[in-house]
Amino acid sequence: MLLLRFKPGTKTEVVDTQLLPGLLTLCYLMETILGVSEITITSVNDGQHKLESLHYTGRAVDIRSKIYPPVKISRVVQEFKTLYDKDYDLIWESPGKPWEHLHLELDPGNTNH
């Protein structure tokens, strides 16, 4: 069983349901590759993001990654991109920094994947 936790204070006022298949796949990959039993979402509609950020429309989430081995996070990202490269962006932001996280966004049609 995998638990999905939210960092205290995380706002989840709106989430685009089209984000959910990608999020669930990412959770599955983290569970199987990292061997974890819970994952923490650190931001949905909150935090400070670029003005045009998809967080504000419920099309992006941030997930804690700094507590996992980098080689395994890299594998999670690679596996995810193999499955969902056209509809989602998955970015491993600031590896090795205290604010490191995985940023997942629903972005179909983006040619910059």
Protein backbone atom coordinates (compact mmCIF):
# COMPACT_ATOMS: atom_id res chain seq x y z
CA MET A 1 0.00 0.00 0.00
CA LEU A 2 1.30 3.45 -0.92
CA LEU A 3 0.26 6.55 1.02
CA LEU A 4 0.17 9.98 -0.58
CA ARG A 5 0.85 12.67 2.00
CA PHE A 6 0.68 16.44 1.68
CA LYS A 7 3.21 18.69 3.40
CA PRO A 8 1.41 20.73 6.06
CA GLY A 9 0.06 23.94 4.53
CA THR A 10 -0.15 22.56 1.00
CA LYS A 11 -3.15 24.06 -0.79
CA THR A 12 -5.14 21.73 -2.99
CA GLU A 13 -8.03 23.98 -3.96
CA VAL A 14 -8.04 22.86 -7.59
CA VAL A 15 -6.46 19.90 -9.39
CA ASP A 16 -7.01 19.19 -13.07
CA THR A 17 -8.12 15.56 -13.25
CA GLN A 18 -6.03 15.07 -16.40
CA LEU A 19 -2.96 15.41 -14.17
CA LEU A 20 -3.97 12.33 -12.16
CA PRO A 21 -2.93 9.53 -14.58
CA GLY A 22 0.60 10.95 -14.73
CA LEU A 23 0.70 11.51 -10.97
CA LEU A 24 -0.45 7.96 -10.26
CA THR A 25 2.11 6.54 -12.68
CA LEU A 26 4.84 8.61 -11.04
CA CYS A 27 3.74 7.35 -7.62
CA TYR A 28 3.83 3.76 -8.88
CA LEU A 29 7.34 4.22 -10.27
CA MET A 30 8.52 5.78 -7.02
CA GLU A 31 7.00 2.92 -5.06
CA THR A 32 8.59 0.21 -7.19
CA ILE A 33 11.98 1.79 -7.92
CA LEU A 34 12.53 3.49 -4.55
CA GLY A 35 10.73 0.88 -2.46
CA VAL A 36 8.81 3.56 -0.54
CA SER A 37 5.48 3.24 1.24
CA GLU A 38 4.64 6.95 1.21
CA ILE A 39 5.24 9.96 -0.99
CA THR A 40 4.97 13.61 0.03
CA ILE A 41 3.48 16.27 -2.21
CA THR A 42 5.05 19.57 -1.22
CA SER A 43 3.14 21.98 -3.48
CA VAL A 44 0.00 22.10 -5.61
CA ASN A 45 -1.71 25.52 -5.70
CA ASP A 46 0.60 27.14 -3.17
CA GLY A 47 4.16 28.37 -2.93
CA GLN A 48 5.99 30.89 -5.05
CA HIS A 49 6.15 29.97 -8.71
CA LYS A 50 6.53 31.82 -11.99
CA LEU A 51 3.49 33.92 -12.86
CA GLU A 52 2.56 31.56 -15.70
CA SER A 53 3.13 28.43 -13.59
CA LEU A 54 0.71 25.56 -14.10
CA HIS A 55 0.53 25.16 -10.30
CA TYR A 56 -2.06 27.93 -10.15
CA THR A 57 -4.42 26.07 -12.49
CA GLY A 58 -4.02 22.69 -10.77
CA ARG A 59 -1.93 21.29 -13.61
CA ALA A 60 1.32 20.85 -11.64
CA VAL A 61 2.54 19.29 -8.40
CA ASP A 62 5.87 19.14 -6.60
CA ILE A 63 6.98 15.95 -4.88
CA ARG A 64 9.74 15.59 -2.28
CA SER A 65 12.77 13.79 -3.71
CA LYS A 66 15.75 14.97 -1.64
CA ILE A 67 15.42 12.04 0.78
CA TYR A 68 16.00 9.40 -1.90
CA PRO A 69 19.21 8.20 -3.59
CA PRO A 70 19.94 10.33 -6.67
CA VAL A 71 20.63 7.33 -8.88
CA LYS A 72 17.14 5.99 -8.15
CA ILE A 73 15.45 9.36 -8.70
CA SER A 74 17.22 9.57 -12.05
CA ARG A 75 15.80 6.14 -12.95
CA VAL A 76 12.28 7.21 -11.91
CA VAL A 77 12.54 10.27 -14.18
CA GLN A 78 13.86 8.21 -17.11
CA GLU A 79 11.15 5.55 -16.76
CA PHE A 80 8.42 8.18 -16.50
CA LYS A 81 9.62 10.03 -19.59
CA THR A 82 9.59 6.76 -21.53
CA LEU A 83 5.89 6.37 -20.72
CA TYR A 84 4.57 9.95 -20.78
CA ASP A 85 6.94 12.21 -22.69
CA LYS A 86 4.23 13.83 -24.85
CA ASP A 87 1.63 14.82 -22.25
CA TYR A 88 3.63 15.65 -19.14
CA ASP A 89 6.83 17.35 -18.12
CA LEU A 90 8.70 15.75 -15.24
CA ILE A 91 11.59 17.88 -14.07
CA TRP A 92 14.05 16.98 -11.32
CA GLU A 93 14.62 20.43 -9.92
CA SER A 94 17.75 21.44 -7.99
CA PRO A 95 19.32 17.99 -7.39
CA GLY A 96 21.44 18.00 -4.24
CA LYS A 97 20.02 21.29 -2.93
CA PRO A 98 17.80 21.56 0.17
CA TRP A 99 14.81 22.53 -2.04
CA GLU A 100 15.28 19.60 -4.45
CA HIS A 101 12.02 18.11 -5.73
CA LEU A 102 10.28 16.50 -8.67
CA HIS A 103 8.02 18.86 -10.59
CA LEU A 104 5.26 17.18 -12.59
CA GLU A 105 3.05 19.17 -14.92
CA LEU A 106 0.36 18.39 -17.42
CA ASP A 107 1.53 20.06 -20.60
CA PRO A 108 0.20 18.30 -23.71
CA GLY A 109 1.46 19.63 -26.99
CA ASN A 110 4.57 21.18 -25.47
CA THR A 111 7.38 20.51 -27.90
CA ASN A 112 10.04 21.33 -25.30
CA HIS A 113 9.76 17.98 -23.48
